[in-house]
Amino acid sequence: MDLAAYLRRHHCGDWGEELCGKDKQANEDALVNGTRLLSCYRTAGGDRIYIITEADRSMTTALLPAEY
């Protein structure tokens, strides 16, 4: 898995194909309001990967479903 590719997508505002419209809108609002960002992607192997950036933008974490 190329984690850097998923981090780039997250950084560029591509929240992933696995989020619902409500969650994607929450991310758009978070860019203005300074709240947490969440992305979810499907890997080439079929697994999901979650990427979360904290509200204060101090940390971004990548998690597999068992860790989320």
PDB file of N, CA and C in Angstrom:
ATOM      1  N   MET A   1       0.847  -1.170   0.000  1.00  0.00           N
ATOM      2  CA  MET A   1       0.000   0.000   0.000  1.00  0.00           C
ATOM      3  C   MET A   1       0.898   1.240   0.000  1.00  0.00           C
ATOM      4  N   ASP A   2       0.568   2.204  -0.843  1.00  0.00           N
ATOM      5  CA  ASP A   2       1.313   3.450  -0.936  1.00  0.00           C
ATOM      6  C   ASP A   2       0.633   4.499  -0.058  1.00  0.00           C
ATOM      7  N   LEU A   3       1.026   4.552   1.195  1.00  0.00           N
ATOM      8  CA  LEU A   3       0.401   5.465   2.143  1.00  0.00           C
ATOM      9  C   LEU A   3       0.545   6.917   1.706  1.00  0.00           C
ATOM     10  N   ALA A   4       1.677   7.260   1.112  1.00  0.00           N
ATOM     11  CA  ALA A   4       1.906   8.643   0.675  1.00  0.00           C
ATOM     12  C   ALA A   4       0.834   9.097  -0.317  1.00  0.00           C
ATOM     13  N   ALA A   5       0.392   8.217  -1.182  1.00  0.00           N
ATOM     14  CA  ALA A   5      -0.638   8.574  -2.161  1.00  0.00           C
ATOM     15  C   ALA A   5      -1.955   8.925  -1.460  1.00  0.00           C
ATOM     16  N   TYR A   6      -2.314   8.175  -0.436  1.00  0.00           N
ATOM     17  CA  TYR A   6      -3.543   8.454   0.313  1.00  0.00           C
ATOM     18  C   TYR A   6      -3.411   9.749   1.114  1.00  0.00           C
ATOM     19  N   LEU A   7      -2.238   9.989   1.681  1.00  0.00           N
ATOM     20  CA  LEU A   7      -2.010  11.233   2.408  1.00  0.00           C
ATOM     21  C   LEU A   7      -2.092  12.444   1.479  1.00  0.00           C
ATOM     22  N   ARG A   8      -1.571  12.318   0.261  1.00  0.00           N
ATOM     23  CA  ARG A   8      -1.674  13.404  -0.719  1.00  0.00           C
ATOM     24  C   ARG A   8      -3.130  13.691  -1.051  1.00  0.00           C
ATOM     25  N   ARG A   9      -3.901  12.648  -1.276  1.00  0.00           N
ATOM     26  CA  ARG A   9      -5.327  12.828  -1.585  1.00  0.00           C
ATOM     27  C   ARG A   9      -6.024  13.566  -0.441  1.00  0.00           C
ATOM     28  N   HIS A  10      -5.768  13.123   0.775  1.00  0.00           N
ATOM     29  CA  HIS A  10      -6.356  13.747   1.960  1.00  0.00           C
ATOM     30  C   HIS A  10      -5.960  15.222   2.027  1.00  0.00           C
ATOM     31  N   HIS A  11      -4.692  15.503   1.842  1.00  0.00           N
ATOM     32  CA  HIS A  11      -4.165  16.865   1.904  1.00  0.00           C
ATOM     33  C   HIS A  11      -4.800  17.764   0.843  1.00  0.00           C
ATOM     34  N   CYS A  12      -5.112  17.209  -0.304  1.00  0.00           N
ATOM     35  CA  CYS A  12      -5.677  17.982  -1.424  1.00  0.00           C
ATOM     36  C   CYS A  12      -7.201  18.077  -1.377  1.00  0.00           C
ATOM     37  N   GLY A  13      -7.838  17.519  -0.349  1.00  0.00           N
ATOM     38  CA  GLY A  13      -9.290  17.626  -0.212  1.00  0.00           C
ATOM     39  C   GLY A  13     -10.080  16.559  -0.942  1.00  0.00           C
ATOM     40  N   ASP A  14      -9.418  15.496  -1.342  1.00  0.00           N
ATOM     41  CA  ASP A  14     -10.102  14.327  -1.904  1.00  0.00           C
ATOM     42  C   ASP A  14     -10.373  13.406  -0.720  1.00  0.00           C
ATOM     43  N   TRP A  15     -11.597  13.428  -0.241  1.00  0.00           N
ATOM     44  CA  TRP A  15     -11.936  12.724   0.999  1.00  0.00           C
ATOM     45  C   TRP A  15     -12.176  11.236   0.810  1.00  0.00           C
ATOM     46  N   GLY A  16     -12.126  10.764  -0.410  1.00  0.00           N
ATOM     47  CA  GLY A  16     -12.246   9.335  -0.663  1.00  0.00           C
ATOM     48  C   GLY A  16     -13.640   8.915  -1.063  1.00  0.00           C
ATOM     49  N   GLU A  17     -13.698   7.805  -1.729  1.00  0.00           N
ATOM     50  CA  GLU A  17     -14.946   7.258  -2.257  1.00  0.00           C
ATOM     51  C   GLU A  17     -15.768   6.537  -1.194  1.00  0.00           C
ATOM     52  N   GLU A  18     -15.204   6.361  -0.025  1.00  0.00           N
ATOM     53  CA  GLU A  18     -15.876   5.592   1.018  1.00  0.00           C
ATOM     54  C   GLU A  18     -16.661   6.460   2.003  1.00  0.00           C
ATOM     55  N   LEU A  19     -16.607   7.772   1.874  1.00  0.00           N
ATOM     56  CA  LEU A  19     -17.364   8.645   2.779  1.00  0.00           C
ATOM     57  C   LEU A  19     -18.712   9.008   2.168  1.00  0.00           C
ATOM     58  N   CYS A  20     -19.708   9.146   3.016  1.00  0.00           N
ATOM     59  CA  CYS A  20     -21.022   9.589   2.548  1.00  0.00           C
ATOM     60  C   CYS A  20     -20.991  11.104   2.323  1.00  0.00           C
ATOM     61  N   GLY A  21     -21.994  11.613   1.671  1.00  0.00           N
ATOM     62  CA  GLY A  21     -22.081  13.033   1.382  1.00  0.00           C
ATOM     63  C   GLY A  21     -22.061  13.901   2.628  1.00  0.00           C
ATOM     64  N   LYS A  22     -22.707  13.437   3.692  1.00  0.00           N
ATOM     65  CA  LYS A  22     -22.752  14.184   4.947  1.00  0.00           C
ATOM     66  C   LYS A  22     -21.345  14.345   5.537  1.00  0.00           C
ATOM     67  N   ASP A  23     -20.566  13.262   5.507  1.00  0.00           N
ATOM     68  CA  ASP A  23     -19.198  13.323   6.033  1.00  0.00           C
ATOM     69  C   ASP A  23     -18.303  14.194   5.158  1.00  0.00           C
ATOM     70  N   LYS A  24     -18.499  14.125   3.855  1.00  0.00           N
ATOM     71  CA  LYS A  24     -17.717  14.984   2.954  1.00  0.00           C
ATOM     72  C   LYS A  24     -18.040  16.449   3.206  1.00  0.00           C
ATOM     73  N   GLN A  25     -19.318  16.757   3.416  1.00  0.00           N
ATOM     74  CA  GLN A  25     -19.698  18.142   3.712  1.00  0.00           C
ATOM     75  C   GLN A  25     -19.129  18.583   5.055  1.00  0.00           C
ATOM     76  N   ALA A  26     -19.097  17.680   6.018  1.00  0.00           N
ATOM     77  CA  ALA A  26     -18.499  18.004   7.321  1.00  0.00           C
ATOM     78  C   ALA A  26     -17.035  18.380   7.153  1.00  0.00           C
ATOM     79  N   ASN A  27     -16.338  17.700   6.244  1.00  0.00           N
ATOM     80  CA  ASN A  27     -14.939  18.046   5.977  1.00  0.00           C
ATOM     81  C   ASN A  27     -14.828  19.422   5.341  1.00  0.00           C
ATOM     82  N   GLU A  28     -15.696  19.722   4.396  1.00  0.00           N
ATOM     83  CA  GLU A  28     -15.669  21.040   3.763  1.00  0.00           C
ATOM     84  C   GLU A  28     -15.915  22.122   4.814  1.00  0.00           C
ATOM     85  N   ASP A  29     -16.858  21.875   5.709  1.00  0.00           N
ATOM     86  CA  ASP A  29     -17.129  22.810   6.796  1.00  0.00           C
ATOM     87  C   ASP A  29     -15.925  22.916   7.730  1.00  0.00           C
ATOM     88  N   ALA A  30     -15.240  21.803   7.968  1.00  0.00           N
ATOM     89  CA  ALA A  30     -14.075  21.779   8.854  1.00  0.00           C
ATOM     90  C   ALA A  30     -12.937  22.648   8.328  1.00  0.00           C
ATOM     91  N   LEU A  31     -12.842  22.779   7.027  1.00  0.00           N
ATOM     92  CA  LEU A  31     -11.807  23.637   6.459  1.00  0.00           C
ATOM     93  C   LEU A  31     -12.027  25.099   6.842  1.00  0.00           C
ATOM     94  N   VAL A  32     -13.279  25.463   7.043  1.00  0.00           N
ATOM     95  CA  VAL A  32     -13.628  26.829   7.436  1.00  0.00           C
ATOM     96  C   VAL A  32     -13.640  26.965   8.960  1.00  0.00           C
ATOM     97  N   ASN A  33     -14.202  25.966   9.642  1.00  0.00           N
ATOM     98  CA  ASN A  33     -14.421  26.031  11.093  1.00  0.00           C
ATOM     99  C   ASN A  33     -13.261  25.525  11.932  1.00  0.00           C
ATOM    100  N   GLY A  34     -12.308  24.845  11.311  1.00  0.00           N
ATOM    101  CA  GLY A  34     -11.164  24.332  12.054  1.00  0.00           C
ATOM    102  C   GLY A  34     -11.471  23.125  12.909  1.00  0.00           C
ATOM    103  N   THR A  35     -12.314  22.225  12.400  1.00  0.00           N
ATOM    104  CA  THR A  35     -12.596  20.989  13.126  1.00  0.00           C
ATOM    105  C   THR A  35     -11.899  19.810  12.435  1.00  0.00           C
ATOM    106  N   ARG A  36     -12.095  18.639  12.965  1.00  0.00           N
ATOM    107  CA  ARG A  36     -11.409  17.433  12.501  1.00  0.00           C
ATOM    108  C   ARG A  36     -11.757  17.088  11.051  1.00  0.00           C
ATOM    109  N   LEU A  37     -10.780  16.547  10.332  1.00  0.00           N
ATOM    110  CA  LEU A  37     -10.964  16.073   8.960  1.00  0.00           C
ATOM    111  C   LEU A  37     -10.861  14.551   8.931  1.00  0.00           C
ATOM    112  N   LEU A  38     -11.730  13.924   8.171  1.00  0.00           N
ATOM    113  CA  LEU A  38     -11.748  12.465   8.047  1.00  0.00           C
ATOM    114  C   LEU A  38     -11.826  12.077   6.575  1.00  0.00           C
ATOM    115  N   SER A  39     -10.948  11.189   6.159  1.00  0.00           N
ATOM    116  CA  SER A  39     -11.012  10.608   4.818  1.00  0.00           C
ATOM    117  C   SER A  39     -11.046   9.096   4.954  1.00  0.00           C
ATOM    118  N   CYS A  40     -11.635   8.438   3.971  1.00  0.00           N
ATOM    119  CA  CYS A  40     -11.674   6.980   3.950  1.00  0.00           C
ATOM    120  C   CYS A  40     -11.511   6.516   2.512  1.00  0.00           C
ATOM    121  N   TYR A  41     -10.532   5.667   2.291  1.00  0.00           N
ATOM    122  CA  TYR A  41     -10.211   5.181   0.949  1.00  0.00           C
ATOM    123  C   TYR A  41     -10.255   3.663   0.909  1.00  0.00           C
ATOM    124  N   ARG A  42     -10.480   3.128  -0.256  1.00  0.00           N
ATOM    125  CA  ARG A  42     -10.423   1.683  -0.501  1.00  0.00           C
ATOM    126  C   ARG A  42      -9.070   1.411  -1.151  1.00  0.00           C
ATOM    127  N   THR A  43      -8.284   0.531  -0.543  1.00  0.00           N
ATOM    128  CA  THR A  43      -6.966   0.198  -1.090  1.00  0.00           C
ATOM    129  C   THR A  43      -7.104  -0.754  -2.272  1.00  0.00           C
ATOM    130  N   ALA A  44      -6.015  -0.927  -2.991  1.00  0.00           N
ATOM    131  CA  ALA A  44      -6.003  -1.844  -4.130  1.00  0.00           C
ATOM    132  C   ALA A  44      -6.356  -3.268  -3.693  1.00  0.00           C
ATOM    133  N   GLY A  45      -6.028  -3.617  -2.460  1.00  0.00           N
ATOM    134  CA  GLY A  45      -6.334  -4.940  -1.927  1.00  0.00           C
ATOM    135  C   GLY A  45      -7.759  -5.076  -1.411  1.00  0.00           C
ATOM    136  N   GLY A  46      -8.529  -3.989  -1.483  1.00  0.00           N
ATOM    137  CA  GLY A  46      -9.920  -4.042  -1.061  1.00  0.00           C
ATOM    138  C   GLY A  46     -10.167  -3.615   0.379  1.00  0.00           C
ATOM    139  N   ASP A  47      -9.110  -3.349   1.116  1.00  0.00           N
ATOM    140  CA  ASP A  47      -9.266  -2.902   2.498  1.00  0.00           C
ATOM    141  C   ASP A  47      -9.553  -1.410   2.534  1.00  0.00           C
ATOM    142  N   ARG A  48     -10.054  -0.957   3.652  1.00  0.00           N
ATOM    143  CA  ARG A  48     -10.246   0.476   3.863  1.00  0.00           C
ATOM    144  C   ARG A  48      -9.071   1.028   4.654  1.00  0.00           C
ATOM    145  N   ILE A  49      -8.802   2.301   4.428  1.00  0.00           N
ATOM    146  CA  ILE A  49      -7.837   3.029   5.244  1.00  0.00           C
ATOM    147  C   ILE A  49      -8.468   4.364   5.601  1.00  0.00           C
ATOM    148  N   TYR A  50      -8.401   4.705   6.875  1.00  0.00           N
ATOM    149  CA  TYR A  50      -8.943   5.963   7.372  1.00  0.00           C
ATOM    150  C   TYR A  50      -7.785   6.911   7.644  1.00  0.00           C
ATOM    151  N   ILE A  51      -7.953   8.174   7.285  1.00  0.00           N
ATOM    152  CA  ILE A  51      -6.971   9.200   7.597  1.00  0.00           C
ATOM    153  C   ILE A  51      -7.706  10.318   8.324  1.00  0.00           C
ATOM    154  N   ILE A  52      -7.182  10.677   9.482  1.00  0.00           N
ATOM    155  CA  ILE A  52      -7.815  11.674  10.338  1.00  0.00           C
ATOM    156  C   ILE A  52      -6.795  12.765  10.662  1.00  0.00           C
ATOM    157  N   THR A  53      -7.182  14.004  10.436  1.00  0.00           N
ATOM    158  CA  THR A  53      -6.378  15.147  10.852  1.00  0.00           C
ATOM    159  C   THR A  53      -7.100  15.827  12.001  1.00  0.00           C
ATOM    160  N   GLU A  54      -6.376  16.039  13.088  1.00  0.00           N
ATOM    161  CA  GLU A  54      -6.964  16.641  14.283  1.00  0.00           C
ATOM    162  C   GLU A  54      -7.391  18.080  14.018  1.00  0.00           C
ATOM    163  N   ALA A  55      -8.318  18.554  14.814  1.00  0.00           N
ATOM    164  CA  ALA A  55      -8.894  19.889  14.636  1.00  0.00           C
ATOM    165  C   ALA A  55      -7.830  20.981  14.656  1.00  0.00           C
ATOM    166  N   ASP A  56      -6.824  20.835  15.501  1.00  0.00           N
ATOM    167  CA  ASP A  56      -5.788  21.866  15.575  1.00  0.00           C
ATOM    168  C   ASP A  56      -4.695  21.681  14.521  1.00  0.00           C
ATOM    169  N   ARG A  57      -4.888  20.653  13.656  1.00  0.00           N
ATOM    170  CA  ARG A  57      -3.981  20.335  12.541  1.00  0.00           C
ATOM    171  C   ARG A  57      -2.581  19.932  13.006  1.00  0.00           C
ATOM    172  N   SER A  58      -2.467  19.537  14.265  1.00  0.00           N
ATOM    173  CA  SER A  58      -1.168  19.159  14.823  1.00  0.00           C
ATOM    174  C   SER A  58      -0.744  17.747  14.450  1.00  0.00           C
ATOM    175  N   MET A  59      -1.711  16.906  14.062  1.00  0.00           N
ATOM    176  CA  MET A  59      -1.386  15.512  13.799  1.00  0.00           C
ATOM    177  C   MET A  59      -2.365  14.922  12.790  1.00  0.00           C
ATOM    178  N   THR A  60      -1.831  14.093  11.914  1.00  0.00           N
ATOM    179  CA  THR A  60      -2.639  13.303  10.991  1.00  0.00           C
ATOM    180  C   THR A  60      -2.294  11.845  11.226  1.00  0.00           C
ATOM    181  N   THR A  61      -3.326  11.011  11.329  1.00  0.00           N
ATOM    182  CA  THR A  61      -3.156   9.598  11.649  1.00  0.00           C
ATOM    183  C   THR A  61      -3.817   8.750  10.578  1.00  0.00           C
ATOM    184  N   ALA A  62      -3.137   7.687  10.165  1.00  0.00           N
ATOM    185  CA  ALA A  62      -3.699   6.705   9.236  1.00  0.00           C
ATOM    186  C   ALA A  62      -4.022   5.447  10.029  1.00  0.00           C
ATOM    187  N   LEU A  63      -5.246   4.931   9.837  1.00  0.00           N
ATOM    188  CA  LEU A  63      -5.702   3.770  10.574  1.00  0.00           C
ATOM    189  C   LEU A  63      -6.335   2.743   9.655  1.00  0.00           C
ATOM    190  N   LEU A  64      -6.134   1.488   9.978  1.00  0.00           N
ATOM    191  CA  LEU A  64      -6.856   0.405   9.324  1.00  0.00           C
ATOM    192  C   LEU A  64      -8.166   0.197  10.087  1.00  0.00           C
ATOM    193  N   PRO A  65      -9.160  -0.454   9.504  1.00  0.00           N
ATOM    194  CA  PRO A  65     -10.455  -0.614  10.162  1.00  0.00           C
ATOM    195  C   PRO A  65     -10.384  -1.188  11.575  1.00  0.00           C
ATOM    196  N   ALA A  66      -9.499  -2.125  11.816  1.00  0.00           N
ATOM    197  CA  ALA A  66      -9.396  -2.720  13.146  1.00  0.00           C
ATOM    198  C   ALA A  66      -8.875  -1.721  14.180  1.00  0.00           C
ATOM    199  N   GLU A  67      -8.247  -0.644  13.714  1.00  0.00           N
ATOM    200  CA  GLU A  67      -7.688   0.360  14.614  1.00  0.00           C
ATOM    201  C   GLU A  67      -8.608   1.563  14.795  1.00  0.00           C
ATOM    202  N   TYR A  68      -9.624   1.667  13.946  1.00  0.00           N
ATOM    203  CA  TYR A  68     -10.476   2.863  13.943  1.00  0.00           C
ATOM    204  C   TYR A  68     -11.501   2.835  15.045  1.00  0.00           C
TER     205      TYR A  68
END
